[in-house]
Amino acid sequence: MKRKSSSIILAIFFMLTFFKVTYAQPAYEDANSSASCGIKNILLIGVDGENLERYNRSDTMIIMSIDQENNNIKLTSLGRDTYVDIKGHGKEKLTHAYAYGGPDLLIETINNNFGLSIDRYATVNFSSFMKIIDLIGGVEVEVTENDVEALNQFIKICYNLYPQEKDIELIDSAGTYNLNGYQALAFSRIRYQDSTDARNSRQRMVVKGALDNLKKSGISGYIGSLNIILSGVKTNLTPSEIVILGYKALRIGTDNMKTLEFPYYKEEVRLKEAGWVVLWDKDKNLELLDSFLYN
């Protein structure tokens, strides 16, 4: 069985060398304690437009931690409005770092403010997000009664962003649904009917659903999907990392998945120079984050 798994991984590696993926050199060395305790942190980024290099804001920021020692995956949502120091721009919302300097400046900002040493990322835009969700057969999520009206409004917006071959499908009522690409994008964007934290929770639900569907397809489905999945992704993960980390994540699965909303100890205030921002208790939050990721 080990020989078969090794040969599969080797085959995928050679396939990936031919994939059309936007690669970038890592800006940082992963020098924190994760290296010695079997934890790999990857920043998943969703931008609010089509530009993967910069200029668009990072609406979604989730640290995906693959913990091999304890056989689990952790998802940490970073609040887009968190008030932080951005090099060269002073105090700003975290979401603006990507617009100013792309993934490198965003990662630098996260590491400097949150005491981390993340060095790997993957960024998707609206169109690549929808293509990925459709490719893997959708994502299963729980839609609440409070979500339905706002979700349908955003479904119409997301449906019209790009030409669709099929008629629009709205959500009739609360319940469990397998959402397609534009529905999942809409589900990930709604927030004004509840809160930013609730939206971040929905985004984590989508990531979990995507991993669940990929695991159902098995290693062969994972291999067959990679070319299309990665064609619209900007990442500095190497082909071998994509193979090994993806294989490990699918093997671990989501049964023991843990999630965190960060910052947790916070206050939302309106500042004259910045609008609505999230002020956060640095000591308490960094202690919580370190404990969640590494203990």
Protein backbone atom coordinates (compact mmCIF):
# COMPACT_ATOMS: atom_id res chain seq x y z
CA MET A 1 0.00 0.00 0.00
CA LYS A 2 2.87 2.38 0.81
CA ARG A 3 4.53 1.60 -2.51
CA LYS A 4 1.28 2.38 -4.37
CA SER A 5 0.82 5.68 -2.51
CA SER A 6 4.41 6.70 -3.21
CA SER A 7 4.08 5.98 -6.90
CA ILE A 8 0.86 8.00 -7.07
CA ILE A 9 2.51 10.99 -5.40
CA LEU A 10 5.50 10.75 -7.74
CA ALA A 11 3.19 10.62 -10.75
CA ILE A 12 1.29 13.68 -9.57
CA PHE A 13 4.54 15.58 -9.07
CA PHE A 14 5.58 15.10 -12.68
CA MET A 15 2.10 16.05 -13.86
CA LEU A 16 2.17 19.26 -11.84
CA THR A 17 5.39 20.44 -13.46
CA PHE A 18 3.38 21.01 -16.62
CA PHE A 19 0.45 22.82 -14.96
CA LYS A 20 -0.16 26.47 -15.78
CA VAL A 21 -0.07 27.94 -12.30
CA THR A 22 0.97 31.46 -11.31
CA TYR A 23 3.87 30.80 -8.96
CA ALA A 24 5.82 33.30 -6.87
CA GLN A 25 8.86 32.85 -4.70
CA PRO A 26 8.05 32.67 -0.97
CA ALA A 27 8.68 35.96 0.79
CA TYR A 28 9.42 34.36 4.16
CA GLU A 29 11.01 31.35 5.72
CA ASP A 30 8.65 29.31 7.87
CA ALA A 31 10.81 29.78 10.95
CA ASN A 32 8.26 29.50 13.74
CA SER A 33 7.51 26.55 15.97
CA SER A 34 5.25 24.94 13.37
CA ALA A 35 8.24 23.44 11.58
CA SER A 36 9.21 21.36 14.60
CA CYS A 37 5.72 20.23 15.61
CA GLY A 38 4.37 19.00 12.28
CA ILE A 39 2.12 21.99 11.55
CA LYS A 40 2.02 23.77 8.19
CA ASN A 41 0.21 27.11 7.91
CA ILE A 42 -1.11 28.28 4.53
CA LEU A 43 -2.90 31.58 4.02
CA LEU A 44 -6.01 31.21 1.85
CA ILE A 45 -6.96 34.54 0.27
CA GLY A 46 -10.09 35.58 -1.60
CA VAL A 47 -9.94 38.99 -3.30
CA ASP A 48 -12.97 41.14 -4.05
CA GLY A 49 -12.36 41.37 -7.80
CA GLU A 50 -10.31 39.84 -10.59
CA ASN A 51 -6.80 41.18 -9.96
CA LEU A 52 -4.65 38.56 -8.25
CA GLU A 53 -1.50 40.70 -8.08
CA ARG A 54 -2.72 43.73 -6.07
CA TYR A 55 -5.26 46.60 -6.21
CA ASN A 56 -8.15 44.38 -5.04
CA ARG A 57 -8.76 43.96 -1.31
CA SER A 58 -8.50 40.64 0.48
CA ASP A 59 -12.10 40.08 1.50
CA THR A 60 -11.36 36.58 2.79
CA MET A 61 -8.28 35.58 4.79
CA ILE A 62 -8.18 32.12 6.34
CA ILE A 63 -5.12 30.45 7.83
CA MET A 64 -5.38 26.76 7.03
CA SER A 65 -3.22 24.78 9.47
CA ILE A 66 -2.45 21.16 8.61
CA ASP A 67 -1.50 19.45 11.87
CA GLN A 68 -0.01 16.05 11.12
CA GLU A 69 0.94 15.23 14.69
CA ASN A 70 -2.63 15.54 15.99
CA ASN A 71 -4.28 14.54 12.71
CA ASN A 72 -6.50 17.60 12.31
CA ILE A 73 -7.01 20.71 10.23
CA LYS A 74 -7.58 24.15 11.75
CA LEU A 75 -9.15 27.16 10.03
CA THR A 76 -8.50 30.64 11.46
CA SER A 77 -10.49 33.51 9.94
CA LEU A 78 -8.76 36.89 10.05
CA GLY A 79 -11.14 39.85 10.33
CA ARG A 80 -10.86 42.06 7.25
CA ASP A 81 -11.45 45.26 9.24
CA THR A 82 -8.84 44.50 11.91
CA TYR A 83 -6.90 47.73 12.58
CA VAL A 84 -3.21 46.97 12.03
CA ASP A 85 0.10 48.56 11.08
CA ILE A 86 0.80 48.21 7.34
CA LYS A 87 4.38 48.98 6.35
CA GLY A 88 4.52 52.24 4.41
CA HIS A 89 0.85 53.03 5.02
CA GLY A 90 0.47 53.46 8.78
CA LYS A 91 -2.59 52.18 10.60
CA GLU A 92 -5.13 50.66 8.21
CA LYS A 93 -7.67 47.87 7.88
CA LEU A 94 -6.01 44.52 7.25
CA THR A 95 -7.98 44.05 4.03
CA HIS A 96 -6.15 47.02 2.43
CA ALA A 97 -2.69 45.42 2.62
CA TYR A 98 -3.37 43.22 -0.42
CA ALA A 99 -4.58 46.21 -2.45
CA TYR A 100 -1.38 48.10 -1.64
CA GLY A 101 1.16 45.35 -2.17
CA GLY A 102 -0.42 42.03 -3.05
CA PRO A 103 0.13 38.79 -1.11
CA ASP A 104 3.68 39.68 -0.04
CA LEU A 105 2.60 42.82 1.82
CA LEU A 106 -0.44 41.05 3.26
CA ILE A 107 1.68 38.20 4.64
CA GLU A 108 4.25 40.64 5.99
CA THR A 109 1.45 42.58 7.71
CA ILE A 110 -0.07 39.45 9.23
CA ASN A 111 3.29 38.18 10.46
CA ASN A 112 4.35 41.53 11.92
CA ASN A 113 1.07 42.19 13.71
CA PHE A 114 0.10 38.69 14.81
CA GLY A 115 3.50 37.20 15.67
CA LEU A 116 3.43 34.53 12.95
CA SER A 117 5.86 33.31 10.28
CA ILE A 118 3.53 32.26 7.48
CA ASP A 119 5.33 31.86 4.17
CA ARG A 120 2.84 30.12 1.86
CA TYR A 121 -0.39 31.39 0.34
CA ALA A 122 -2.99 30.72 -2.34
CA THR A 123 -5.20 33.48 -3.79
CA VAL A 124 -8.43 33.14 -5.76
CA ASN A 125 -10.65 35.77 -7.35
CA PHE A 126 -14.40 35.64 -7.96
CA SER A 127 -14.25 33.79 -11.27
CA SER A 128 -11.69 31.17 -10.22
CA PHE A 129 -13.60 30.57 -6.98
CA MET A 130 -16.81 29.79 -8.90
CA LYS A 131 -14.98 27.52 -11.36
CA ILE A 132 -13.36 25.55 -8.54
CA ILE A 133 -16.67 25.04 -6.70
CA ASP A 134 -18.42 23.89 -9.89
CA LEU A 135 -15.53 21.57 -10.75
CA ILE A 136 -15.64 19.72 -7.43
CA GLY A 137 -19.41 19.32 -7.59
CA GLY A 138 -20.46 22.17 -5.31
CA VAL A 139 -20.29 22.54 -1.53
CA GLU A 140 -22.82 21.41 1.06
CA VAL A 141 -23.76 24.12 3.59
CA GLU A 142 -26.52 24.94 6.04
CA VAL A 143 -28.62 27.94 5.01
CA THR A 144 -30.55 29.57 7.86
CA GLU A 145 -33.86 31.39 7.60
CA ASN A 146 -31.99 34.59 8.30
CA ASP A 147 -29.73 33.98 5.28
CA VAL A 148 -32.32 33.31 2.57
CA GLU A 149 -33.34 36.82 1.47
CA ALA A 150 -29.80 38.25 1.50
CA LEU A 151 -28.42 35.13 -0.16
CA ASN A 152 -30.85 35.37 -3.06
CA GLN A 153 -29.96 39.02 -3.58
CA PHE A 154 -26.28 38.13 -3.85
CA ILE A 155 -27.02 35.06 -5.99
CA LYS A 156 -28.50 37.39 -8.62
CA ILE A 157 -25.42 39.63 -8.44
CA CYS A 158 -22.93 36.76 -8.67
CA TYR A 159 -24.91 35.01 -11.42
CA ASN A 160 -24.67 38.14 -13.56
CA LEU A 161 -20.95 38.66 -12.95
CA TYR A 162 -20.10 36.09 -15.61
CA PRO A 163 -22.10 34.44 -18.40
CA GLN A 164 -23.99 31.40 -17.13
CA GLU A 165 -25.14 28.52 -19.32
CA LYS A 166 -28.04 27.50 -17.06
CA ASP A 167 -30.98 29.44 -15.64
CA ILE A 168 -30.48 31.10 -12.29
CA GLU A 169 -31.30 28.98 -9.23
CA LEU A 170 -32.49 30.74 -6.08
CA ILE A 171 -32.87 29.28 -2.59
CA ASP A 172 -36.50 28.77 -1.54
CA SER A 173 -36.12 28.25 2.20
CA ALA A 174 -33.76 27.37 5.03
CA GLY A 175 -32.10 23.97 4.93
CA THR A 176 -29.07 22.01 3.79
CA TYR A 177 -28.07 22.72 0.18
CA ASN A 178 -25.32 21.72 -2.22
CA LEU A 179 -24.43 25.11 -3.65
CA ASN A 180 -22.97 25.61 -7.12
CA GLY A 181 -20.26 28.15 -7.95
CA TYR A 182 -22.20 31.41 -8.06
CA GLN A 183 -24.40 30.35 -5.14
CA ALA A 184 -21.34 29.52 -3.01
CA LEU A 185 -19.76 32.85 -3.91
CA ALA A 186 -22.96 34.62 -2.86
CA PHE A 187 -23.08 32.60 0.37
CA SER A 188 -19.50 33.63 1.13
CA ARG A 189 -20.17 37.33 0.56
CA ILE A 190 -23.38 38.05 2.48
CA ARG A 191 -23.01 39.73 5.88
CA TYR A 192 -25.35 42.66 6.38
CA GLN A 193 -28.19 40.47 7.69
CA ASP A 194 -25.99 39.46 10.65
CA SER A 195 -22.30 40.21 11.16
CA THR A 196 -18.77 39.95 9.79
CA ASP A 197 -18.06 37.08 12.18
CA ALA A 198 -21.08 35.20 10.81
CA ARG A 199 -19.82 35.75 7.25
CA ASN A 200 -16.39 34.42 8.21
CA SER A 201 -18.11 31.36 9.67
CA ARG A 202 -19.91 30.80 6.37
CA GLN A 203 -16.63 31.10 4.50
CA ARG A 204 -15.07 28.44 6.72
CA MET A 205 -18.13 26.29 6.04
CA VAL A 206 -17.43 26.58 2.30
CA VAL A 207 -13.77 25.59 2.74
CA LYS A 208 -14.83 22.57 4.79
CA GLY A 209 -17.42 21.61 2.16
CA ALA A 210 -14.81 21.86 -0.58
CA LEU A 211 -12.42 19.56 1.30
CA ASP A 212 -15.26 17.11 1.96
CA ASN A 213 -16.17 16.93 -1.73
CA LEU A 214 -12.55 16.55 -2.81
CA LYS A 215 -12.10 13.70 -0.34
CA LYS A 216 -15.22 11.96 -1.72
CA SER A 217 -13.68 12.02 -5.20
CA GLY A 218 -10.60 10.21 -3.91
CA ILE A 219 -6.99 10.62 -4.96
CA SER A 220 -7.81 10.07 -8.64
CA GLY A 221 -10.40 12.84 -8.52
CA TYR A 222 -7.92 15.10 -6.79
CA ILE A 223 -5.35 14.46 -9.52
CA GLY A 224 -7.89 15.05 -12.28
CA SER A 225 -9.06 18.33 -10.77
CA LEU A 226 -5.71 19.96 -10.05
CA ASN A 227 -4.99 21.37 -13.51
CA ILE A 228 -8.24 23.33 -13.69
CA ILE A 229 -8.26 24.25 -10.00
CA LEU A 230 -4.79 25.76 -10.14
CA SER A 231 -5.18 27.53 -13.49
CA GLY A 232 -6.88 30.50 -11.82
CA VAL A 233 -4.88 30.51 -8.59
CA LYS A 234 -1.91 32.66 -7.63
CA THR A 235 0.28 30.75 -5.20
CA ASN A 236 3.86 30.32 -4.06
CA LEU A 237 3.31 26.68 -3.15
CA THR A 238 5.67 24.52 -5.18
CA PRO A 239 4.34 21.58 -7.22
CA SER A 240 5.70 19.11 -4.66
CA GLU A 241 4.05 21.03 -1.79
CA ILE A 242 0.73 21.06 -3.64
CA VAL A 243 0.95 17.29 -3.98
CA ILE A 244 2.14 16.45 -0.48
CA LEU A 245 0.06 18.97 1.50
CA GLY A 246 -3.05 18.30 -0.56
CA TYR A 247 -2.66 14.56 -0.10
CA LYS A 248 -2.18 14.99 3.66
CA ALA A 249 -5.15 17.35 4.00
CA LEU A 250 -7.46 14.96 2.18
CA ARG A 251 -6.19 12.01 4.23
CA ILE A 252 -6.79 13.89 7.51
CA GLY A 253 -10.25 15.07 6.42
CA THR A 254 -12.56 17.41 8.31
CA ASP A 255 -13.96 15.19 11.08
CA ASN A 256 -11.70 16.79 13.67
CA MET A 257 -11.61 20.25 12.11
CA LYS A 258 -11.23 23.16 14.55
CA THR A 259 -12.06 26.80 13.78
CA LEU A 260 -11.25 30.20 15.26
CA GLU A 261 -12.45 33.75 14.65
CA PHE A 262 -9.51 36.16 15.03
CA PRO A 263 -9.27 38.57 16.69
CA TYR A 264 -11.59 37.27 19.39
CA TYR A 265 -11.19 39.98 22.04
CA LYS A 266 -12.17 43.08 20.08
CA GLU A 267 -14.32 46.17 19.74
CA GLU A 268 -15.82 47.63 16.57
CA VAL A 269 -15.58 51.44 16.44
CA ARG A 270 -15.92 54.18 13.86
CA LEU A 271 -12.82 56.30 13.34
CA LYS A 272 -12.88 59.57 11.44
CA GLU A 273 -9.82 58.67 9.36
CA ALA A 274 -10.62 55.00 8.70
CA GLY A 275 -14.36 54.37 9.05
CA TRP A 276 -15.53 51.24 10.87
CA VAL A 277 -12.56 49.26 12.18
CA VAL A 278 -11.94 46.45 14.65
CA LEU A 279 -9.74 47.42 17.62
CA TRP A 280 -8.25 44.39 19.35
CA ASP A 281 -6.57 43.48 22.61
CA LYS A 282 -3.13 42.45 21.39
CA ASP A 283 -1.88 40.47 24.40
CA LYS A 284 -5.04 38.43 24.89
CA ASN A 285 -5.53 37.73 21.20
CA LEU A 286 -1.95 36.71 20.46
CA GLU A 287 -1.96 34.35 23.43
CA LEU A 288 -5.21 32.82 22.16
CA LEU A 289 -3.90 32.49 18.60
CA ASP A 290 -0.65 30.84 19.67
CA SER A 291 -2.53 28.40 21.87
CA PHE A 292 -5.03 27.55 19.14
CA LEU A 293 -2.41 26.96 16.45
CA TYR A 294 0.33 25.21 18.40
CA ASN A 295 -1.11 23.64 21.58
